[in-house]
Amino acid sequence: MDEILARFLEKNGPIMARREVPPSSIERYKGKLPPLLLSYWKEYGWCGVGEGILWLVNPQEYEAVVASWIENTALEALDTFHLVARSAFGDLYLFGEKTGFSLSIDAPVSRYSISNQNISPPDTDREVQNFLLTFEKDYNDFDDLFDPSKNKLGTLRDDEMYGFVPALSLGGQADLQYIEKVKTVEHLILLSQITSLEPYTMSDL
């Protein structure tokens, strides 16, 4: 295990619910995703960390999610994005083939942030390292509801997330009583269809 990943796991918790990555998936994303990320897939699989607060996922399974969020928006023309990680509450981390880890979507509130950058192939592995080094569990813990949700509903499976039911934009509240275990792909697509995706502004911070 390399030093960066070891530090990430020491800070955020051990790997859980590991899924073997088939060679066909490694081949599919060669030249599209960083070699370092593919090497992590090969050795550690698609998996959860931090008791399920973050998941490294199969981008192919989330192609419909990405399309549903960014089609017919200005983001669509910026790059070809692949969803490679997501949080327990639907923070989505997308890797652009030209721009790296430039786009993140906060699905429960339908907001996104993007950095304008272009990366060269030698920089893509550094992008992965920076993502791991800067990841914060607290930032992905929606209103400190992760532990209460896990205690009430149980640990997530790899195809589940904690969702607000009804969705926040439909009158749900950021309260434990409104949280349910939901199927991740289906819920994320539903959220994308409820309200339009908008950029974060200074007033949101």
C-alpha atoms as a PDB file:
ATOM      1  CA  MET A   1       0.000   0.000   0.000  1.00  0.00           C
ATOM      2  CA  ASP A   2       1.431   3.372  -0.950  1.00  0.00           C
ATOM      3  CA  GLU A   3       1.931   6.135   1.604  1.00  0.00           C
ATOM      4  CA  ILE A   4      -0.882   8.403   0.341  1.00  0.00           C
ATOM      5  CA  LEU A   5      -3.541   5.693   0.480  1.00  0.00           C
ATOM      6  CA  ALA A   6      -2.247   4.487   3.847  1.00  0.00           C
ATOM      7  CA  ARG A   7      -2.602   8.017   5.268  1.00  0.00           C
ATOM      8  CA  PHE A   8      -6.097   8.309   3.784  1.00  0.00           C
ATOM      9  CA  LEU A   9      -7.249   5.044   5.359  1.00  0.00           C
ATOM     10  CA  GLU A  10      -5.591   5.824   8.686  1.00  0.00           C
ATOM     11  CA  LYS A  11      -7.506   9.117   8.802  1.00  0.00           C
ATOM     12  CA  ASN A  12     -10.861   7.929   7.445  1.00  0.00           C
ATOM     13  CA  GLY A  13     -11.213   4.271   8.321  1.00  0.00           C
ATOM     14  CA  PRO A  14     -10.572   0.864   6.773  1.00  0.00           C
ATOM     15  CA  ILE A  15     -11.885  -0.548   3.510  1.00  0.00           C
ATOM     16  CA  MET A  16     -15.248  -2.329   3.648  1.00  0.00           C
ATOM     17  CA  ALA A  17     -17.615  -4.123   1.264  1.00  0.00           C
ATOM     18  CA  ARG A  18     -14.902  -4.683  -1.336  1.00  0.00           C
ATOM     19  CA  ARG A  19     -16.012  -5.661  -4.861  1.00  0.00           C
ATOM     20  CA  GLU A  20     -13.516  -7.206  -7.246  1.00  0.00           C
ATOM     21  CA  VAL A  21     -12.920  -5.095 -10.350  1.00  0.00           C
ATOM     22  CA  PRO A  22     -12.900  -7.196 -13.525  1.00  0.00           C
ATOM     23  CA  PRO A  23     -10.037  -6.739 -16.018  1.00  0.00           C
ATOM     24  CA  SER A  24     -12.578  -5.519 -18.593  1.00  0.00           C
ATOM     25  CA  SER A  25     -13.328  -2.474 -16.417  1.00  0.00           C
ATOM     26  CA  ILE A  26      -9.632  -1.684 -16.053  1.00  0.00           C
ATOM     27  CA  GLU A  27      -9.275  -1.811 -19.841  1.00  0.00           C
ATOM     28  CA  ARG A  28     -12.443   0.253 -20.370  1.00  0.00           C
ATOM     29  CA  TYR A  29     -11.055   3.203 -18.420  1.00  0.00           C
ATOM     30  CA  LYS A  30      -7.413   3.117 -19.495  1.00  0.00           C
ATOM     31  CA  GLY A  31      -6.572   6.529 -20.916  1.00  0.00           C
ATOM     32  CA  LYS A  32      -9.751   7.984 -19.382  1.00  0.00           C
ATOM     33  CA  LEU A  33      -8.990   7.709 -15.670  1.00  0.00           C
ATOM     34  CA  PRO A  34      -5.644   8.020 -13.868  1.00  0.00           C
ATOM     35  CA  PRO A  35      -3.365   4.975 -13.824  1.00  0.00           C
ATOM     36  CA  LEU A  36      -3.055   5.331 -10.048  1.00  0.00           C
ATOM     37  CA  LEU A  37      -6.816   5.080  -9.590  1.00  0.00           C
ATOM     38  CA  LEU A  38      -6.938   2.005 -11.810  1.00  0.00           C
ATOM     39  CA  SER A  39      -4.149   0.425  -9.774  1.00  0.00           C
ATOM     40  CA  TYR A  40      -6.168   1.044  -6.602  1.00  0.00           C
ATOM     41  CA  TRP A  41      -9.163  -0.599  -8.261  1.00  0.00           C
ATOM     42  CA  LYS A  42      -7.063  -3.603  -9.185  1.00  0.00           C
ATOM     43  CA  GLU A  43      -5.641  -4.067  -5.708  1.00  0.00           C
ATOM     44  CA  TYR A  44      -8.467  -2.870  -3.433  1.00  0.00           C
ATOM     45  CA  GLY A  45     -11.563  -3.056  -5.611  1.00  0.00           C
ATOM     46  CA  TRP A  46     -14.592  -0.795  -5.555  1.00  0.00           C
ATOM     47  CA  CYS A  47     -15.282  -0.309  -1.870  1.00  0.00           C
ATOM     48  CA  GLY A  48     -16.472   1.810   1.000  1.00  0.00           C
ATOM     49  CA  VAL A  49     -14.353   3.556   3.619  1.00  0.00           C
ATOM     50  CA  GLY A  50     -15.142   5.275   6.890  1.00  0.00           C
ATOM     51  CA  GLU A  51     -17.932   2.767   7.657  1.00  0.00           C
ATOM     52  CA  GLY A  52     -19.572   3.744   4.383  1.00  0.00           C
ATOM     53  CA  ILE A  53     -19.354   7.535   4.437  1.00  0.00           C
ATOM     54  CA  LEU A  54     -17.395   7.392   1.136  1.00  0.00           C
ATOM     55  CA  TRP A  55     -17.562   4.874  -1.706  1.00  0.00           C
ATOM     56  CA  LEU A  56     -15.190   4.336  -4.611  1.00  0.00           C
ATOM     57  CA  VAL A  57     -17.527   3.178  -7.349  1.00  0.00           C
ATOM     58  CA  ASN A  58     -17.774   1.663 -10.802  1.00  0.00           C
ATOM     59  CA  PRO A  59     -18.290   4.652 -13.133  1.00  0.00           C
ATOM     60  CA  GLN A  60     -20.120   2.496 -15.656  1.00  0.00           C
ATOM     61  CA  GLU A  61     -22.909   1.865 -13.144  1.00  0.00           C
ATOM     62  CA  TYR A  62     -23.343   5.616 -12.724  1.00  0.00           C
ATOM     63  CA  GLU A  63     -23.356   6.706 -16.367  1.00  0.00           C
ATOM     64  CA  ALA A  64     -27.124   7.299 -16.257  1.00  0.00           C
ATOM     65  CA  VAL A  65     -26.689   9.347 -13.074  1.00  0.00           C
ATOM     66  CA  VAL A  66     -24.062  11.590 -14.662  1.00  0.00           C
ATOM     67  CA  ALA A  67     -26.148  12.018 -17.796  1.00  0.00           C
ATOM     68  CA  SER A  68     -29.256  12.865 -15.802  1.00  0.00           C
ATOM     69  CA  TRP A  69     -27.460  15.580 -13.849  1.00  0.00           C
ATOM     70  CA  ILE A  70     -25.424  17.313 -16.550  1.00  0.00           C
ATOM     71  CA  GLU A  71     -27.161  16.751 -19.892  1.00  0.00           C
ATOM     72  CA  ASN A  72     -28.481  20.009 -21.340  1.00  0.00           C
ATOM     73  CA  THR A  73     -26.408  22.057 -18.899  1.00  0.00           C
ATOM     74  CA  ALA A  74     -23.277  24.110 -19.509  1.00  0.00           C
ATOM     75  CA  LEU A  75     -21.275  21.355 -17.807  1.00  0.00           C
ATOM     76  CA  GLU A  76     -21.930  18.930 -20.645  1.00  0.00           C
ATOM     77  CA  ALA A  77     -19.674  20.801 -23.053  1.00  0.00           C
ATOM     78  CA  LEU A  78     -16.795  21.237 -20.627  1.00  0.00           C
ATOM     79  CA  ASP A  79     -15.501  17.683 -20.467  1.00  0.00           C
ATOM     80  CA  THR A  80     -16.334  13.986 -20.423  1.00  0.00           C
ATOM     81  CA  PHE A  81     -16.987  13.244 -16.764  1.00  0.00           C
ATOM     82  CA  HIS A  82     -16.898   9.924 -14.917  1.00  0.00           C
ATOM     83  CA  LEU A  83     -18.317   9.503 -11.416  1.00  0.00           C
ATOM     84  CA  VAL A  84     -15.631   7.734  -9.401  1.00  0.00           C
ATOM     85  CA  ALA A  85     -16.636   8.392  -5.790  1.00  0.00           C
ATOM     86  CA  ARG A  86     -19.717   9.346  -3.829  1.00  0.00           C
ATOM     87  CA  SER A  87     -20.648   9.909  -0.215  1.00  0.00           C
ATOM     88  CA  ALA A  88     -23.308   8.271   1.921  1.00  0.00           C
ATOM     89  CA  PHE A  89     -25.625  11.254   1.366  1.00  0.00           C
ATOM     90  CA  GLY A  90     -24.974  11.884  -2.320  1.00  0.00           C
ATOM     91  CA  ASP A  91     -21.927  14.094  -2.635  1.00  0.00           C
ATOM     92  CA  LEU A  92     -20.733  13.101  -6.102  1.00  0.00           C
ATOM     93  CA  TYR A  93     -17.101  13.337  -7.213  1.00  0.00           C
ATOM     94  CA  LEU A  94     -16.539  13.337 -10.950  1.00  0.00           C
ATOM     95  CA  PHE A  95     -13.264  13.032 -12.830  1.00  0.00           C
ATOM     96  CA  GLY A  96     -13.017  14.858 -16.143  1.00  0.00           C
ATOM     97  CA  GLU A  97     -10.788  13.373 -18.816  1.00  0.00           C
ATOM     98  CA  LYS A  98      -9.301  16.831 -19.480  1.00  0.00           C
ATOM     99  CA  THR A  99      -9.909  18.579 -16.171  1.00  0.00           C
ATOM    100  CA  GLY A 100      -9.371  15.939 -13.472  1.00  0.00           C
ATOM    101  CA  PHE A 101     -11.271  16.158 -10.190  1.00  0.00           C
ATOM    102  CA  SER A 102     -12.872  19.399 -11.272  1.00  0.00           C
ATOM    103  CA  LEU A 103     -16.581  18.760 -10.675  1.00  0.00           C
ATOM    104  CA  SER A 104     -18.486  17.839  -7.542  1.00  0.00           C
ATOM    105  CA  ILE A 105     -22.251  17.715  -7.153  1.00  0.00           C
ATOM    106  CA  ASP A 106     -24.106  17.956  -3.845  1.00  0.00           C
ATOM    107  CA  ALA A 107     -27.153  15.976  -4.914  1.00  0.00           C
ATOM    108  CA  PRO A 108     -29.467  16.531  -1.906  1.00  0.00           C
ATOM    109  CA  VAL A 109     -29.422  20.301  -2.460  1.00  0.00           C
ATOM    110  CA  SER A 110     -28.817  20.216  -6.242  1.00  0.00           C
ATOM    111  CA  ARG A 111     -25.686  22.358  -6.163  1.00  0.00           C
ATOM    112  CA  TYR A 112     -22.333  21.925  -7.882  1.00  0.00           C
ATOM    113  CA  SER A 113     -18.853  23.367  -7.757  1.00  0.00           C
ATOM    114  CA  ILE A 114     -16.350  23.282 -10.588  1.00  0.00           C
ATOM    115  CA  SER A 115     -12.771  24.371 -11.053  1.00  0.00           C
ATOM    116  CA  ASN A 116     -11.539  25.483 -14.442  1.00  0.00           C
ATOM    117  CA  GLN A 117      -8.337  23.654 -15.185  1.00  0.00           C
ATOM    118  CA  ASN A 118      -6.686  21.517 -17.799  1.00  0.00           C
ATOM    119  CA  ILE A 119      -4.382  18.713 -16.796  1.00  0.00           C
ATOM    120  CA  SER A 120      -1.762  16.781 -18.701  1.00  0.00           C
ATOM    121  CA  PRO A 121      -1.439  12.989 -18.404  1.00  0.00           C
ATOM    122  CA  PRO A 122       1.456  13.132 -15.900  1.00  0.00           C
ATOM    123  CA  ASP A 123      -0.717  15.171 -13.543  1.00  0.00           C
ATOM    124  CA  THR A 124      -3.648  12.769 -13.344  1.00  0.00           C
ATOM    125  CA  ASP A 125      -2.116  10.578 -10.632  1.00  0.00           C
ATOM    126  CA  ARG A 126      -1.397  13.710  -8.597  1.00  0.00           C
ATOM    127  CA  GLU A 127      -5.083  14.578  -8.878  1.00  0.00           C
ATOM    128  CA  VAL A 128      -5.961  11.280  -7.212  1.00  0.00           C
ATOM    129  CA  GLN A 129      -3.425  11.855  -4.459  1.00  0.00           C
ATOM    130  CA  ASN A 130      -4.753  15.368  -3.834  1.00  0.00           C
ATOM    131  CA  PHE A 131      -8.309  14.029  -3.637  1.00  0.00           C
ATOM    132  CA  LEU A 132      -7.311  11.478  -1.005  1.00  0.00           C
ATOM    133  CA  LEU A 133      -5.217  13.933   0.989  1.00  0.00           C
ATOM    134  CA  THR A 134      -7.904  16.618   1.091  1.00  0.00           C
ATOM    135  CA  PHE A 135     -10.944  14.405   1.678  1.00  0.00           C
ATOM    136  CA  GLU A 136     -12.728  15.295   4.902  1.00  0.00           C
ATOM    137  CA  LYS A 137     -15.289  13.015   6.509  1.00  0.00           C
ATOM    138  CA  ASP A 138     -16.928  15.965   8.243  1.00  0.00           C
ATOM    139  CA  TYR A 139     -17.518  17.758   4.934  1.00  0.00           C
ATOM    140  CA  ASN A 140     -19.395  14.690   3.658  1.00  0.00           C
ATOM    141  CA  ASP A 141     -21.394  14.193   6.858  1.00  0.00           C
ATOM    142  CA  PHE A 142     -24.642  16.003   6.072  1.00  0.00           C
ATOM    143  CA  ASP A 143     -25.527  17.983   9.224  1.00  0.00           C
ATOM    144  CA  ASP A 144     -23.704  15.386  11.362  1.00  0.00           C
ATOM    145  CA  LEU A 145     -26.373  12.826  10.487  1.00  0.00           C
ATOM    146  CA  PHE A 146     -24.127   9.958   9.381  1.00  0.00           C
ATOM    147  CA  ASP A 147     -23.650   8.215  12.723  1.00  0.00           C
ATOM    148  CA  PRO A 148     -27.289   8.693  13.810  1.00  0.00           C
ATOM    149  CA  SER A 149     -28.449   7.342  10.424  1.00  0.00           C
ATOM    150  CA  LYS A 150     -26.121   4.339  10.669  1.00  0.00           C
ATOM    151  CA  ASN A 151     -27.253   3.627  14.214  1.00  0.00           C
ATOM    152  CA  LYS A 152     -30.927   3.851  13.267  1.00  0.00           C
ATOM    153  CA  LEU A 153     -30.935   2.243   9.818  1.00  0.00           C
ATOM    154  CA  GLY A 154     -27.816   0.095   9.781  1.00  0.00           C
ATOM    155  CA  THR A 155     -24.646   0.137   7.693  1.00  0.00           C
ATOM    156  CA  LEU A 156     -25.045   0.871   4.002  1.00  0.00           C
ATOM    157  CA  ARG A 157     -24.563  -1.731   1.305  1.00  0.00           C
ATOM    158  CA  ASP A 158     -22.551  -0.734  -1.752  1.00  0.00           C
ATOM    159  CA  ASP A 159     -25.702   0.105  -3.730  1.00  0.00           C
ATOM    160  CA  GLU A 160     -27.379   2.125  -0.968  1.00  0.00           C
ATOM    161  CA  MET A 161     -27.252   5.669   0.383  1.00  0.00           C
ATOM    162  CA  TYR A 162     -29.023   7.684   3.044  1.00  0.00           C
ATOM    163  CA  GLY A 163     -31.706   9.799   1.385  1.00  0.00           C
ATOM    164  CA  PHE A 164     -34.140  12.399   2.627  1.00  0.00           C
ATOM    165  CA  VAL A 165     -37.720  11.262   2.052  1.00  0.00           C
ATOM    166  CA  PRO A 166     -39.377  13.418   0.913  1.00  0.00           C
ATOM    167  CA  ALA A 167     -36.443  15.129  -0.790  1.00  0.00           C
ATOM    168  CA  LEU A 168     -35.334  18.436   0.705  1.00  0.00           C
ATOM    169  CA  SER A 169     -36.632  20.324  -2.330  1.00  0.00           C
ATOM    170  CA  LEU A 170     -40.047  18.696  -1.844  1.00  0.00           C
ATOM    171  CA  GLY A 171     -40.437  19.665   1.784  1.00  0.00           C
ATOM    172  CA  GLY A 172     -38.259  17.132   3.546  1.00  0.00           C
ATOM    173  CA  GLN A 173     -36.057  18.379   6.353  1.00  0.00           C
ATOM    174  CA  ALA A 174     -32.461  17.686   7.323  1.00  0.00           C
ATOM    175  CA  ASP A 175     -33.602  15.628  10.274  1.00  0.00           C
ATOM    176  CA  LEU A 176     -33.100  11.987  11.178  1.00  0.00           C
ATOM    177  CA  GLN A 177     -36.826  11.250  10.964  1.00  0.00           C
ATOM    178  CA  TYR A 178     -36.761  12.051   7.228  1.00  0.00           C
ATOM    179  CA  ILE A 179     -33.816   9.785   6.384  1.00  0.00           C
ATOM    180  CA  GLU A 180     -34.261   6.376   4.790  1.00  0.00           C
ATOM    181  CA  LYS A 181     -31.965   3.827   3.175  1.00  0.00           C
ATOM    182  CA  VAL A 182     -32.533   4.132  -0.573  1.00  0.00           C
ATOM    183  CA  LYS A 183     -31.050   2.630  -3.725  1.00  0.00           C
ATOM    184  CA  THR A 184     -28.275   4.971  -4.768  1.00  0.00           C
ATOM    185  CA  VAL A 185     -28.607   5.108  -8.563  1.00  0.00           C
ATOM    186  CA  GLU A 186     -32.384   5.363  -8.550  1.00  0.00           C
ATOM    187  CA  HIS A 187     -32.438   8.026  -5.837  1.00  0.00           C
ATOM    188  CA  LEU A 188     -29.742  10.151  -7.463  1.00  0.00           C
ATOM    189  CA  ILE A 189     -31.595  10.118 -10.771  1.00  0.00           C
ATOM    190  CA  LEU A 190     -34.808  11.061  -8.981  1.00  0.00           C
ATOM    191  CA  LEU A 191     -33.091  14.000  -7.284  1.00  0.00           C
ATOM    192  CA  SER A 192     -31.724  15.196 -10.626  1.00  0.00           C
ATOM    193  CA  GLN A 193     -35.251  15.317 -12.020  1.00  0.00           C
ATOM    194  CA  ILE A 194     -36.848  17.225  -9.136  1.00  0.00           C
ATOM    195  CA  THR A 195     -35.011  20.526  -9.450  1.00  0.00           C
ATOM    196  CA  SER A 196     -32.405  22.055 -11.740  1.00  0.00           C
ATOM    197  CA  LEU A 197     -28.711  21.880 -10.910  1.00  0.00           C
ATOM    198  CA  GLU A 198     -27.256  25.254  -9.887  1.00  0.00           C
ATOM    199  CA  PRO A 199     -23.724  26.353  -8.992  1.00  0.00           C
ATOM    200  CA  TYR A 200     -22.776  27.115  -5.419  1.00  0.00           C
ATOM    201  CA  THR A 201     -22.632  30.838  -4.749  1.00  0.00           C
ATOM    202  CA  MET A 202     -20.997  32.807  -1.953  1.00  0.00           C
ATOM    203  CA  SER A 203     -24.368  33.039  -0.187  1.00  0.00           C
ATOM    204  CA  ASP A 204     -24.449  29.232   0.058  1.00  0.00           C
ATOM    205  CA  LEU A 205     -21.190  29.100   1.992  1.00  0.00           C
END
